[in-house]
Amino acid sequence: MSSFTEDLTVTLVVTIAGQAHTIPAGNVKSLELKLTPYGFNGKVSFVVYSEKSTDALFTPLSTQNDLIEVALTVKTYTTDTSTVITPLSLSGLVTTRGFVEQTLSNILKTQTLMLHRHYQLEFADSAQVLWTQHYPCDLLTDTTLKALITAHNSEKIELSYDWTVLDTTHPVLSLSLGAPGNTASFYDYLIWLVDSNNGVFSYDYTTKKYSLSATKTQSGTAQSLKPLDVGAFGVNFPEIHRHQPNVLNAYSESPLNTAITNADVASPIRRDYIARYPIAADMQARVTLETARLKQPLHEVWVEYKQFPTQLTPPGKLVDFKGSSAWNASLFVYANTYQVKEWRLKASSVNQELTLDLNNTHSRYEVEHSLILNSSLETNVALPPYTLPVYPFFVEGKVVSEQGEETDATYQFYTDEDTSTNYYQIKIPLWADKKIRAAYQPNMDTGQFYFPPYKNARVLVGLNFNSAEIVQFLDWGSGTALPMDSQGNQVVMGKSKTSQNIIKHSYVDSKPELQIQRTEDKDTELLQFSTGYIILQTQKKEDEG
C-alpha cells in the first residue's frame, strides 16, 4: 500500500477509575485502526514526560485493574479556518497495555531521573472486549431472545433492537457457553445467532451504539470522494455461490426434500440442511430462512488515499465517485453508490525521537489509509469470524407430575395448545427449580415398552438452543433395587408401596424364583414360581385392633 506524509491532529483521553488523562496531540507517536460495520480494533502509542512534572498516568495504569477507557479523535490539520473538517471519533476499552521507560542516571550518585515513558495501548469496541470474555451457562423459560441478550448486556454496551426474530417467545432458551468442550464466547453466540437467522449486527460510529436488526441500514446522502484525495482504486468480484441449497426433513412420518432455487448452480454441487421437523410449519420456516440467506455477493471497490481527507467516512457511510468533474463518467464505479465496509489507518510519527514536541496541536505522520466499499445494493452482511456454540449441554432435573399425592410415583404429560404436541415438564434445581418442557418420547426404551418417567425421577437433561430432552435416567425408583446376594431383577409399577404391581426374579438357595405380586391398600395377591412348587396366594390385612 502506498503511503504519504500528513499533518494530523490525534487527540487521546485515557480514563481510569473515573480519572481522565489527556494526552497532548503531539505526543501520540503511532496509531493503527481497523474499522468494520460491527466494531473496531486499534493500537496507539504515546509519550508522557516526567522530567519536570509527575507522570499521573503511571500509577493507575500499572497498579490498578479497573476498566481503561480510551476516547480518540483523528482529523487532518490545517490552518485554513474555512475548511470544513469531519473527524473520526472513537470510544473503546483497552485490552492490553505496556510501556518503555527512559531514565537519566548518575546525575548524582544517589539520584536517577525518569525522563519519560513510552506507552502502548491496544483497544477495541466495548462489545468485542467484554463479550469475548463472557462464557455464561444460563436457562430461561417462556421468554424471548431479546430478553436473554438484555440479561447479559453491560452498561458499557448500548444496544437497540429492530428484528422480529428476537421477539418470538420460546418455551426454552439456554446458553451453553461454560459447558465442557465449548470454546464459544457470548460474542461468538451473538454473531452465530445473527448469521444463522439472516440478521444484522452493526455499530454506529456516530451514536456509538450497536444494533440488532433485520436489514442493513442505509440512510443519509452519499458523500463524494475527492479525486485529489484518492491515489488508486480498483474493483473486485467475490466468488459466486454455485451450490444447490436443499432443506431435508428427516422426520419419518413426513420426510421431505425441498430444493431452493439458485440460478447460478453448478450441478451436482449442493448444500444440504438436514434436521427433524415433526411440525410442518417448522420445516416451512427453515425453507423460508435458507431461501433468504442465499444471496449472491456483489462487487467490492478498494480505495487507497494519497492524502488524508477532510471528511472522514467510517463504515456504514454512503459514498460515490461522481461529485467532481475529475471523475470520468466512463468509469465502472461512476454510476454506483457505495457503502463503506472497512476503514483502515496506519500512522507513524515522522519524528520518532522521544523528545518533547513543543507543538502539541498536531504532529507529522507517515500515513497509510484505505477503504473497502460495498455496493449500496449489497444485501450480504459483514460479520466477524466466530466459533459455533456447543449444544446440547447437560444438567440434572426432576420430573414433574401433578397427578396423585405429592409422594405418589405418578407420571404426566402436557399438550402444547398451538402445536398439539405432548411433552414432559422437568424442574431444574440449578436454576431455582425452573420448569422446562422436554419431548414426550421413549428416550432409551424401545416402542414396545411404555415406562414414562415418574414424579421426582432424577434425570439427565440435554439443553439445546431452544429445546430440551431427557437423555438419561440417573437413579432407581423407590423400592426397585434388590440386595446383591439375590442377584435379582424386578419391575416395580405403581404409585406407591400400597398401590403397585411387582414382577421379580431372584435367586433363593442358588435357584431362580419368579414372583408376580399385586398390592392395593390391604389386599395382596401373589403368584410365585419356585423349584418344585407354585404358590397362588391372596390375603387381606386386618385392621389394627
Protein backbone atom coordinates (compact mmCIF):
# COMPACT_ATOMS: atom_id res chain seq x y z
CA MET A 1 0.00 0.00 0.00
CA SER A 2 1.29 3.47 -0.85
CA SER A 3 1.96 5.96 1.93
CA PHE A 4 2.04 9.73 2.25
CA THR A 5 3.12 12.34 4.78
CA GLU A 6 0.42 14.34 6.51
CA ASP A 7 -0.08 16.64 9.48
CA LEU A 8 -2.71 15.06 11.72
CA THR A 9 -4.33 16.07 14.96
CA VAL A 10 -4.74 12.97 17.09
CA THR A 11 -6.28 13.59 20.49
CA LEU A 12 -6.42 10.89 23.12
CA VAL A 13 -8.07 10.72 26.53
CA VAL A 14 -7.36 7.73 28.77
CA THR A 15 -9.81 7.28 31.66
CA ILE A 16 -9.06 5.00 34.63
CA ALA A 17 -11.38 4.73 37.65
CA GLY A 18 -13.19 7.89 36.59
CA GLN A 19 -10.00 9.93 36.28
CA ALA A 20 -9.35 11.30 32.78
CA HIS A 21 -5.78 11.69 31.49
CA THR A 22 -5.46 13.85 28.36
CA ILE A 23 -2.54 13.10 26.05
CA PRO A 24 -1.34 16.12 24.03
CA ALA A 25 -1.77 15.65 20.30
CA GLY A 26 1.93 15.99 19.55
CA ASN A 27 2.82 13.20 21.98
CA VAL A 28 0.98 10.48 20.06
CA LYS A 29 3.73 8.59 18.22
CA SER A 30 1.80 5.92 16.32
CA LEU A 31 -1.75 4.85 15.58
CA GLU A 32 -3.26 1.85 13.84
CA LEU A 33 -7.01 1.42 13.30
CA LYS A 34 -9.28 -1.09 11.60
CA LEU A 35 -12.97 -0.18 11.48
CA THR A 36 -15.70 -2.56 10.31
CA PRO A 37 -19.52 -2.39 10.30
CA TYR A 38 -19.62 -4.41 13.55
CA GLY A 39 -16.83 -2.74 15.56
CA PHE A 40 -13.19 -1.76 15.60
CA ASN A 41 -9.67 -2.58 16.81
CA GLY A 42 -6.83 -0.18 17.43
CA LYS A 43 -3.30 0.37 18.71
CA VAL A 44 -1.84 3.63 19.91
CA SER A 45 1.49 4.63 21.39
CA PHE A 46 2.30 7.91 23.09
CA VAL A 47 4.87 9.58 25.30
CA VAL A 48 4.30 11.01 28.79
CA TYR A 49 7.15 13.17 30.06
CA SER A 50 8.08 13.16 33.72
CA GLU A 51 11.34 15.09 33.81
CA LYS A 52 9.72 18.26 35.10
CA SER A 53 6.32 17.02 36.24
CA THR A 54 4.78 13.86 37.70
CA ASP A 55 3.53 11.17 35.31
CA ALA A 56 -0.03 10.95 36.65
CA LEU A 57 -0.88 8.04 34.33
CA PHE A 58 1.82 5.69 35.58
CA THR A 59 0.41 4.60 38.96
CA PRO A 60 -3.20 3.87 37.92
CA LEU A 61 -2.16 2.21 34.67
CA SER A 62 0.48 -0.02 36.26
CA THR A 63 -1.19 -0.92 39.56
CA GLN A 64 -4.99 -0.84 39.03
CA ASN A 65 -7.20 -3.37 37.26
CA ASP A 66 -10.09 -1.01 36.56
CA LEU A 67 -11.55 -0.83 33.07
CA ILE A 68 -9.46 1.54 31.00
CA GLU A 69 -11.43 3.63 28.54
CA VAL A 70 -10.00 5.49 25.58
CA ALA A 71 -11.57 8.36 23.66
CA LEU A 72 -9.80 9.09 20.38
CA THR A 73 -10.30 11.62 17.59
CA VAL A 74 -8.38 11.85 14.34
CA LYS A 75 -8.51 14.64 11.76
CA THR A 76 -6.29 16.40 9.27
CA TYR A 77 -4.53 19.53 10.50
CA THR A 78 -4.95 22.76 8.58
CA THR A 79 -4.64 26.46 9.30
CA ASP A 80 -7.42 27.22 6.80
CA THR A 81 -10.35 28.09 9.04
CA SER A 82 -12.80 27.93 6.13
CA THR A 83 -12.20 24.21 5.59
CA VAL A 84 -14.98 22.03 6.96
CA ILE A 85 -13.44 19.04 8.76
CA THR A 86 -15.31 15.92 9.89
CA PRO A 87 -13.09 13.99 12.31
CA LEU A 88 -13.20 10.33 13.25
CA SER A 89 -14.27 9.81 16.85
CA LEU A 90 -13.94 6.50 18.71
CA SER A 91 -14.61 5.32 22.25
CA GLY A 92 -13.38 1.91 23.33
CA LEU A 93 -11.88 -0.24 26.07
CA VAL A 94 -8.23 -1.16 26.50
CA THR A 95 -7.31 -4.84 26.21
CA THR A 96 -3.52 -4.83 26.69
CA ARG A 97 -1.10 -2.17 27.88
CA GLY A 98 2.63 -1.69 28.28
CA PHE A 99 5.36 0.90 28.41
CA VAL A 100 9.09 1.54 27.94
CA GLU A 101 10.89 3.76 30.45
CA GLN A 102 13.73 6.16 29.74
CA THR A 103 15.91 7.34 32.65
CA LEU A 104 18.91 9.61 33.02
CA SER A 105 21.34 8.15 35.56
CA ASN A 106 24.38 9.31 37.52
CA ILE A 107 23.31 12.91 37.91
CA LEU A 108 24.32 12.33 41.48
CA LYS A 109 25.43 9.06 42.98
CA THR A 110 22.12 8.77 44.80
CA GLN A 111 19.82 10.13 42.07
CA THR A 112 18.17 8.65 38.95
CA LEU A 113 15.92 10.90 36.87
CA MET A 114 12.94 9.48 34.97
CA LEU A 115 12.73 11.31 31.64
CA HIS A 116 9.63 9.81 30.06
CA ARG A 117 7.60 6.69 29.45
CA HIS A 118 6.51 5.45 26.03
CA TYR A 119 3.11 3.79 26.48
CA GLN A 120 1.44 1.30 24.13
CA LEU A 121 -2.28 0.50 24.35
CA GLU A 122 -4.42 -1.93 22.37
CA PHE A 123 -8.15 -1.30 22.42
CA ALA A 124 -11.41 -2.30 20.77
CA ASP A 125 -15.12 -1.60 20.86
CA SER A 126 -16.76 -2.47 24.18
CA ALA A 127 -18.91 -5.40 22.90
CA GLN A 128 -15.88 -7.15 21.47
CA VAL A 129 -13.81 -6.58 24.61
CA LEU A 130 -16.42 -7.59 27.19
CA TRP A 131 -18.49 -10.24 25.42
CA THR A 132 -15.44 -12.20 24.21
CA GLN A 133 -14.69 -12.82 27.91
CA HIS A 134 -18.27 -13.74 28.79
CA TYR A 135 -18.95 -17.51 28.98
CA PRO A 136 -22.27 -17.97 30.81
CA CYS A 137 -24.43 -21.04 31.24
CA ASP A 138 -28.00 -19.89 31.60
CA LEU A 139 -31.56 -21.12 31.28
CA LEU A 140 -34.62 -19.02 30.52
CA THR A 141 -38.20 -20.15 30.01
CA ASP A 142 -41.16 -18.65 28.18
CA THR A 143 -39.14 -15.67 27.05
CA THR A 144 -37.53 -14.04 24.03
CA LEU A 145 -34.04 -13.77 22.63
CA LYS A 146 -34.25 -10.04 23.25
CA ALA A 147 -34.77 -10.71 26.97
CA LEU A 148 -31.89 -13.19 27.02
CA ILE A 149 -29.47 -10.78 25.33
CA THR A 150 -30.58 -7.89 27.54
CA ALA A 151 -29.97 -10.01 30.64
CA HIS A 152 -26.35 -10.45 29.57
CA ASN A 153 -25.68 -6.91 28.42
CA SER A 154 -23.31 -4.45 30.08
CA GLU A 155 -23.79 -0.79 30.86
CA LYS A 156 -20.81 -0.18 28.58
CA ILE A 157 -22.73 -1.60 25.60
CA GLU A 158 -25.68 0.40 24.23
CA LEU A 159 -27.78 -1.93 22.11
CA SER A 160 -31.01 -1.36 20.19
CA TYR A 161 -33.33 -3.97 18.64
CA ASP A 162 -35.26 -3.93 15.37
CA TRP A 163 -35.69 -7.60 14.49
CA THR A 164 -38.86 -9.66 14.94
CA VAL A 165 -36.80 -12.85 15.38
CA LEU A 166 -35.81 -11.51 18.79
CA ASP A 167 -39.44 -11.00 19.84
CA THR A 168 -40.62 -14.61 19.40
CA THR A 169 -41.40 -16.32 22.72
CA HIS A 170 -39.61 -19.65 23.22
CA PRO A 171 -40.57 -22.20 25.91
CA VAL A 172 -36.84 -22.83 26.49
CA LEU A 173 -33.74 -20.75 25.76
CA SER A 174 -30.33 -21.76 27.02
CA LEU A 175 -26.71 -20.62 26.93
CA SER A 176 -24.08 -23.37 26.89
CA LEU A 177 -21.01 -21.16 26.91
CA GLY A 178 -19.47 -22.51 30.12
CA ALA A 179 -20.05 -26.16 29.24
CA PRO A 180 -17.16 -28.64 28.82
CA GLY A 181 -15.74 -28.57 25.31
CA ASN A 182 -17.29 -25.21 24.48
CA THR A 183 -14.87 -22.51 23.28
CA ALA A 184 -17.50 -20.04 22.05
CA SER A 185 -17.97 -16.80 23.99
CA PHE A 186 -21.15 -14.76 24.26
CA TYR A 187 -19.81 -12.63 21.39
CA ASP A 188 -19.49 -15.80 19.28
CA TYR A 189 -23.02 -16.81 20.29
CA LEU A 190 -24.44 -13.46 19.24
CA ILE A 191 -22.68 -13.44 15.85
CA TRP A 192 -23.74 -17.08 15.25
CA LEU A 193 -27.32 -16.13 16.12
CA VAL A 194 -27.25 -13.26 13.63
CA ASP A 195 -25.58 -15.29 10.88
CA SER A 196 -27.81 -18.34 11.20
CA ASN A 197 -31.01 -16.28 11.27
CA ASN A 198 -30.15 -13.86 8.45
CA GLY A 199 -29.90 -10.79 10.68
CA VAL A 200 -27.60 -7.78 11.03
CA PHE A 201 -25.26 -6.80 13.88
CA SER A 202 -23.84 -3.33 13.39
CA TYR A 203 -22.07 -0.49 15.17
CA ASP A 204 -22.94 3.16 14.55
CA TYR A 205 -19.78 5.29 14.67
CA THR A 206 -21.81 8.46 15.14
CA THR A 207 -24.01 7.44 18.07
CA LYS A 208 -21.54 4.84 19.48
CA LYS A 209 -24.39 2.32 19.69
CA TYR A 210 -24.89 -1.24 18.47
CA SER A 211 -28.00 -2.59 16.82
CA LEU A 212 -29.54 -5.97 16.07
CA SER A 213 -31.79 -5.58 13.06
CA ALA A 214 -33.45 -7.48 10.24
CA THR A 215 -31.85 -5.48 7.41
CA LYS A 216 -28.85 -3.28 6.75
CA THR A 217 -29.28 0.41 7.42
CA GLN A 218 -28.61 2.79 4.53
CA SER A 219 -29.53 6.37 5.26
CA GLY A 220 -28.25 9.82 4.54
CA THR A 221 -26.80 11.46 1.45
CA ALA A 222 -23.83 9.86 -0.25
CA GLN A 223 -20.58 11.74 0.22
CA SER A 224 -18.50 12.07 -2.93
CA LEU A 225 -14.87 11.02 -2.65
CA LYS A 226 -12.49 13.75 -3.77
CA PRO A 227 -10.25 12.84 -6.74
CA LEU A 228 -7.34 14.76 -5.20
CA ASP A 229 -7.52 12.55 -2.08
CA VAL A 230 -7.65 9.20 -3.88
CA GLY A 231 -4.38 7.69 -5.06
CA ALA A 232 -5.71 4.46 -6.53
CA PHE A 233 -8.81 2.29 -6.59
CA GLY A 234 -9.93 -0.99 -8.11
CA VAL A 235 -12.85 -3.39 -8.36
CA ASN A 236 -13.06 -6.97 -7.07
CA PHE A 237 -15.76 -9.55 -7.74
CA PRO A 238 -16.21 -12.14 -4.92
CA GLU A 239 -16.76 -15.83 -5.62
CA ILE A 240 -20.28 -16.77 -6.71
CA HIS A 241 -22.30 -19.39 -4.78
CA ARG A 242 -22.52 -22.45 -7.07
CA HIS A 243 -24.28 -24.85 -4.69
CA GLN A 244 -27.87 -26.06 -4.74
CA PRO A 245 -29.43 -25.49 -1.29
CA ASN A 246 -31.73 -28.27 -0.09
CA VAL A 247 -33.71 -28.42 3.16
CA LEU A 248 -34.22 -32.03 4.30
CA ASN A 249 -36.83 -33.14 6.82
CA ALA A 250 -35.68 -36.43 8.39
CA TYR A 251 -38.96 -36.91 10.32
CA SER A 252 -40.08 -40.42 9.29
CA GLU A 253 -43.80 -39.54 9.24
CA SER A 254 -43.33 -36.70 6.78
CA PRO A 255 -39.95 -36.91 5.02
CA LEU A 256 -39.29 -34.07 2.61
CA ASN A 257 -36.51 -32.67 0.45
CA THR A 258 -37.16 -29.10 -0.65
CA ALA A 259 -34.81 -27.52 -3.17
CA ILE A 260 -34.14 -23.78 -3.12
CA THR A 261 -33.62 -22.09 -6.48
CA ASN A 262 -30.12 -20.89 -7.33
CA ALA A 263 -29.90 -19.62 -10.90
CA ASP A 264 -26.11 -19.89 -10.78
CA VAL A 265 -25.88 -23.51 -9.60
CA ALA A 266 -23.20 -25.80 -10.99
CA SER A 267 -24.86 -29.22 -10.78
CA PRO A 268 -24.45 -31.53 -8.88
CA ILE A 269 -22.83 -29.24 -6.27
CA ARG A 270 -25.22 -28.80 -3.35
CA ARG A 271 -25.54 -27.70 0.27
CA ASP A 272 -27.97 -29.74 2.38
CA TYR A 273 -29.59 -28.56 5.61
CA ILE A 274 -30.97 -31.60 7.46
CA ALA A 275 -32.97 -31.83 10.67
CA ARG A 276 -36.13 -33.42 12.11
CA TYR A 277 -39.26 -31.28 11.77
CA PRO A 278 -42.31 -33.08 13.22
CA ILE A 279 -44.24 -29.81 12.82
CA ALA A 280 -44.77 -28.84 9.18
CA ALA A 281 -44.63 -25.12 9.96
CA ASP A 282 -41.09 -25.53 11.31
CA MET A 283 -39.99 -27.14 8.06
CA GLN A 284 -41.51 -24.32 6.03
CA ALA A 285 -39.88 -21.72 8.28
CA ARG A 286 -36.47 -23.29 7.62
CA VAL A 287 -37.09 -23.27 3.85
CA THR A 288 -38.04 -19.59 4.04
CA LEU A 289 -34.93 -18.81 6.08
CA GLU A 290 -32.50 -20.61 3.77
CA THR A 291 -34.12 -19.00 0.74
CA ALA A 292 -33.49 -15.57 2.26
CA ARG A 293 -29.91 -16.48 3.20
CA LEU A 294 -28.95 -17.38 -0.37
CA LYS A 295 -27.62 -14.02 -1.57
CA GLN A 296 -25.04 -13.70 -4.32
CA PRO A 297 -22.31 -11.21 -3.36
CA LEU A 298 -21.88 -8.08 -5.46
CA HIS A 299 -18.60 -6.40 -6.41
CA GLU A 300 -16.39 -4.50 -3.97
CA VAL A 301 -14.16 -1.47 -4.50
CA TRP A 302 -10.84 -0.86 -2.75
CA VAL A 303 -9.57 2.68 -2.34
CA GLU A 304 -6.10 3.91 -1.38
CA TYR A 305 -5.64 7.52 -0.34
CA LYS A 306 -2.72 9.77 -1.28
CA GLN A 307 -3.65 12.47 1.20
CA PHE A 308 -5.80 12.49 4.31
CA PRO A 309 -9.39 13.54 3.59
CA THR A 310 -11.09 16.33 5.46
CA GLN A 311 -14.39 14.43 5.53
CA LEU A 312 -13.87 11.00 7.09
CA THR A 313 -16.12 8.12 6.08
CA PRO A 314 -16.36 5.35 8.70
CA PRO A 315 -18.17 2.04 7.99
CA GLY A 316 -21.82 2.47 7.14
CA LYS A 317 -21.28 5.81 5.40
CA LEU A 318 -22.56 6.13 1.80
CA VAL A 319 -20.06 7.39 -0.78
CA ASP A 320 -19.83 7.77 -4.54
CA PHE A 321 -17.45 8.80 -7.33
CA LYS A 322 -19.43 11.49 -9.11
CA GLY A 323 -19.18 14.67 -7.08
CA SER A 324 -16.44 16.12 -9.24
CA SER A 325 -15.88 16.58 -12.96
CA ALA A 326 -12.47 14.97 -12.42
CA TRP A 327 -14.22 11.61 -12.12
CA ASN A 328 -14.64 10.24 -15.64
CA ALA A 329 -18.20 9.19 -16.43
CA SER A 330 -16.87 6.10 -18.26
CA LEU A 331 -15.55 4.64 -15.00
CA PHE A 332 -17.25 1.44 -13.84
CA VAL A 333 -17.78 2.95 -10.38
CA TYR A 334 -19.18 6.26 -11.64
CA ALA A 335 -22.85 5.30 -11.80
CA ASN A 336 -22.91 3.42 -8.49
CA THR A 337 -23.38 4.35 -4.85
CA TYR A 338 -21.31 2.50 -2.26
CA GLN A 339 -21.29 1.89 1.46
CA VAL A 340 -18.06 1.79 3.43
CA LYS A 341 -17.37 -1.79 4.58
CA GLU A 342 -13.87 -1.39 6.03
CA TRP A 343 -11.80 1.63 7.08
CA ARG A 344 -8.07 1.32 7.80
CA LEU A 345 -5.46 3.75 9.04
CA LYS A 346 -1.81 3.34 9.94
CA ALA A 347 0.09 6.43 11.07
CA SER A 348 3.63 6.65 12.41
CA SER A 349 5.18 9.88 13.65
CA VAL A 350 7.90 11.19 11.36
CA ASN A 351 9.73 12.36 14.47
CA GLN A 352 10.33 9.09 16.34
CA GLU A 353 12.82 10.67 18.75
CA LEU A 354 11.20 10.51 22.15
CA THR A 355 11.70 14.17 22.92
CA LEU A 356 9.15 16.76 23.88
CA ASP A 357 7.16 18.03 20.90
CA LEU A 358 6.64 21.70 21.65
CA ASN A 359 3.77 21.97 19.18
CA ASN A 360 1.11 19.87 20.87
CA THR A 361 -1.72 20.70 18.45
CA HIS A 362 -0.63 18.17 15.81
CA SER A 363 2.22 16.00 14.57
CA ARG A 364 3.54 14.93 11.18
CA TYR A 365 2.92 11.28 10.32
CA GLU A 366 3.78 8.77 7.65
CA VAL A 367 0.28 7.57 6.76
CA GLU A 368 -1.38 4.60 5.05
CA HIS A 369 -5.13 4.99 4.66
CA SER A 370 -7.58 2.82 2.71
CA LEU A 371 -11.22 1.83 2.34
CA ILE A 372 -13.15 -1.18 1.14
CA LEU A 373 -16.56 -0.34 -0.32
CA ASN A 374 -19.66 -2.45 -0.90
CA SER A 375 -22.32 -1.70 -3.46
CA SER A 376 -25.25 0.05 -1.79
CA LEU A 377 -27.37 -2.77 -3.25
CA GLU A 378 -25.40 -5.43 -1.37
CA THR A 379 -27.62 -7.44 0.99
CA ASN A 380 -24.91 -9.70 2.39
CA VAL A 381 -23.80 -8.69 5.89
CA ALA A 382 -20.22 -8.33 7.08
CA LEU A 383 -19.68 -10.31 10.30
CA PRO A 384 -16.54 -11.31 12.20
CA PRO A 385 -15.34 -14.92 12.26
CA TYR A 386 -16.94 -16.87 15.10
CA THR A 387 -16.88 -20.19 16.91
CA LEU A 388 -20.02 -22.32 16.96
CA PRO A 389 -21.59 -22.76 20.42
CA VAL A 390 -21.74 -26.38 21.60
CA TYR A 391 -25.20 -27.92 22.07
CA PRO A 392 -26.60 -29.77 23.86
CA PHE A 393 -25.10 -29.37 27.30
CA PHE A 394 -26.27 -31.38 30.27
CA VAL A 395 -27.81 -30.65 33.65
CA GLU A 396 -29.79 -32.67 36.15
CA GLY A 397 -33.52 -32.30 36.60
CA LYS A 398 -36.50 -33.87 38.33
CA VAL A 399 -39.68 -34.93 36.57
CA VAL A 400 -42.87 -33.02 37.39
CA SER A 401 -46.30 -34.63 37.71
CA GLU A 402 -49.42 -33.05 39.14
CA GLN A 403 -51.23 -36.41 39.29
CA GLY A 404 -51.92 -38.01 42.68
CA GLU A 405 -50.42 -37.17 46.04
CA GLU A 406 -47.04 -35.49 46.41
CA THR A 407 -45.42 -38.80 47.39
CA ASP A 408 -47.04 -40.83 44.58
CA ALA A 409 -44.80 -42.03 41.74
CA THR A 410 -47.17 -40.85 39.02
CA TYR A 411 -46.42 -39.57 35.54
CA GLN A 412 -47.98 -36.81 33.49
CA PHE A 413 -47.55 -35.37 30.03
CA TYR A 414 -48.77 -31.99 28.87
CA THR A 415 -50.05 -30.77 25.49
CA ASP A 416 -48.98 -27.65 23.66
CA GLU A 417 -52.06 -25.61 22.75
CA ASP A 418 -50.59 -24.35 19.48
CA THR A 419 -48.92 -27.47 18.06
CA SER A 420 -50.84 -30.24 19.91
CA THR A 421 -47.50 -31.92 20.68
CA ASN A 422 -47.05 -33.64 24.04
CA TYR A 423 -44.20 -33.01 26.43
CA TYR A 424 -42.98 -33.62 29.97
CA GLN A 425 -42.21 -30.92 32.48
CA ILE A 426 -38.86 -31.06 34.25
CA LYS A 427 -37.75 -28.80 37.06
CA ILE A 428 -34.08 -27.82 37.11
CA PRO A 429 -32.75 -27.37 40.67
CA LEU A 430 -29.66 -25.45 39.49
CA TRP A 431 -31.87 -22.60 38.28
CA ALA A 432 -34.30 -22.29 41.21
CA ASP A 433 -36.48 -25.23 40.07
CA LYS A 434 -37.39 -23.56 36.78
CA LYS A 435 -39.77 -25.81 34.87
CA ILE A 436 -38.86 -26.63 31.29
CA ARG A 437 -40.55 -28.78 28.68
CA ALA A 438 -38.88 -31.90 27.31
CA ALA A 439 -40.03 -34.07 24.42
CA TYR A 440 -42.55 -36.82 25.24
CA GLN A 441 -40.76 -39.80 23.72
CA PRO A 442 -39.48 -43.28 24.68
CA ASN A 443 -35.97 -41.96 25.39
CA MET A 444 -33.75 -45.01 25.93
CA ASP A 445 -36.60 -47.56 25.69
CA THR A 446 -37.99 -49.15 22.54
CA GLY A 447 -41.57 -48.53 21.47
CA GLN A 448 -42.66 -51.91 22.93
CA PHE A 449 -42.12 -50.57 26.44
CA TYR A 450 -44.20 -47.83 27.96
CA PHE A 451 -42.48 -46.54 31.07
CA PRO A 452 -42.97 -42.75 31.26
CA PRO A 453 -40.68 -41.02 33.79
CA TYR A 454 -42.32 -40.84 37.18
CA LYS A 455 -42.68 -37.87 39.51
CA ASN A 456 -39.39 -36.60 41.03
CA ALA A 457 -37.35 -39.10 38.99
CA ARG A 458 -33.80 -37.79 38.71
CA VAL A 459 -32.93 -37.40 35.03
CA LEU A 460 -30.14 -36.01 32.88
CA VAL A 461 -31.47 -33.26 30.64
CA GLY A 462 -29.89 -32.15 27.37
CA LEU A 463 -30.39 -28.41 26.86
CA ASN A 464 -30.35 -27.25 23.25
CA PHE A 465 -30.54 -23.71 21.90
CA ASN A 466 -34.34 -23.55 22.26
CA SER A 467 -35.43 -27.04 23.34
CA ALA A 468 -34.69 -29.77 25.88
CA GLU A 469 -34.78 -33.57 26.03
CA ILE A 470 -34.41 -36.32 28.61
CA VAL A 471 -31.26 -38.23 27.68
CA GLN A 472 -30.72 -40.49 30.68
CA PHE A 473 -32.23 -41.72 33.98
CA LEU A 474 -29.96 -41.25 36.99
CA ASP A 475 -31.48 -43.24 39.86
CA TRP A 476 -33.52 -46.33 40.74
CA GLY A 477 -37.18 -45.98 41.55
CA SER A 478 -38.25 -46.23 45.16
CA GLY A 479 -38.16 -49.89 46.25
CA THR A 480 -36.81 -51.24 42.94
CA ALA A 481 -33.25 -52.05 43.98
CA LEU A 482 -32.59 -55.58 45.37
CA PRO A 483 -29.83 -56.93 47.65
CA MET A 484 -26.76 -58.08 45.76
CA ASP A 485 -26.99 -61.58 47.29
CA SER A 486 -30.29 -62.13 45.48
CA GLN A 487 -28.73 -61.43 42.05
CA GLY A 488 -32.26 -60.34 41.24
CA ASN A 489 -34.13 -58.12 38.84
CA GLN A 490 -37.55 -56.62 39.21
CA VAL A 491 -40.02 -54.25 37.62
CA VAL A 492 -41.99 -52.09 40.05
CA MET A 493 -45.05 -50.39 38.58
CA GLY A 494 -47.47 -48.22 40.52
CA LYS A 495 -47.99 -45.10 42.55
CA SER A 496 -46.70 -46.22 45.95
CA LYS A 497 -45.91 -49.22 48.15
CA THR A 498 -49.62 -49.59 48.90
CA SER A 499 -50.72 -49.44 45.26
CA GLN A 500 -48.39 -51.26 42.89
CA ASN A 501 -47.54 -54.35 40.82
CA ILE A 502 -44.14 -56.08 41.01
CA ILE A 503 -42.54 -58.64 38.73
CA LYS A 504 -39.49 -60.01 40.49
CA HIS A 505 -36.79 -62.50 39.54
CA SER A 506 -34.26 -63.56 42.21
CA TYR A 507 -32.13 -66.49 43.38
CA VAL A 508 -33.11 -68.34 46.55
CA ASP A 509 -30.67 -71.00 47.68
CA SER A 510 -28.92 -70.53 44.31
CA LYS A 511 -32.14 -71.41 42.46
CA PRO A 512 -34.21 -68.98 40.37
CA GLU A 513 -37.54 -67.82 41.73
CA LEU A 514 -40.20 -65.73 39.96
CA GLN A 515 -42.87 -63.65 41.72
CA ILE A 516 -45.77 -61.59 40.44
CA GLN A 517 -47.33 -59.53 43.22
CA ARG A 518 -50.22 -57.09 43.28
CA THR A 519 -50.85 -54.75 46.24
CA GLU A 520 -53.78 -52.42 46.72
CA ASP A 521 -54.17 -50.97 50.18
CA LYS A 522 -54.58 -54.07 52.47
CA ASP A 523 -55.13 -56.60 49.66
CA THR A 524 -52.15 -58.55 48.31
CA GLU A 525 -52.18 -61.20 45.57
CA LEU A 526 -49.05 -63.27 44.92
CA LEU A 527 -48.11 -65.75 42.19
CA GLN A 528 -44.76 -67.39 42.89
CA PHE A 529 -42.80 -69.98 40.88
CA SER A 530 -40.11 -71.89 42.82
CA THR A 531 -38.34 -75.21 42.44
CA GLY A 532 -40.95 -77.95 42.87
CA TYR A 533 -43.98 -75.78 43.58
CA ILE A 534 -46.19 -72.86 42.54
CA ILE A 535 -47.81 -70.58 45.08
CA LEU A 536 -51.02 -68.69 44.35
CA GLN A 537 -51.94 -66.58 47.36
CA THR A 538 -54.34 -63.78 48.18
CA GLN A 539 -54.59 -62.10 51.55
CA LYS A 540 -56.06 -59.10 53.25
CA LYS A 541 -54.60 -57.44 56.30
CA GLU A 542 -56.93 -56.98 59.23
CA ASP A 543 -57.40 -53.55 60.72
CA GLU A 544 -55.27 -53.00 63.77
CA GLY A 545 -57.20 -53.57 66.97
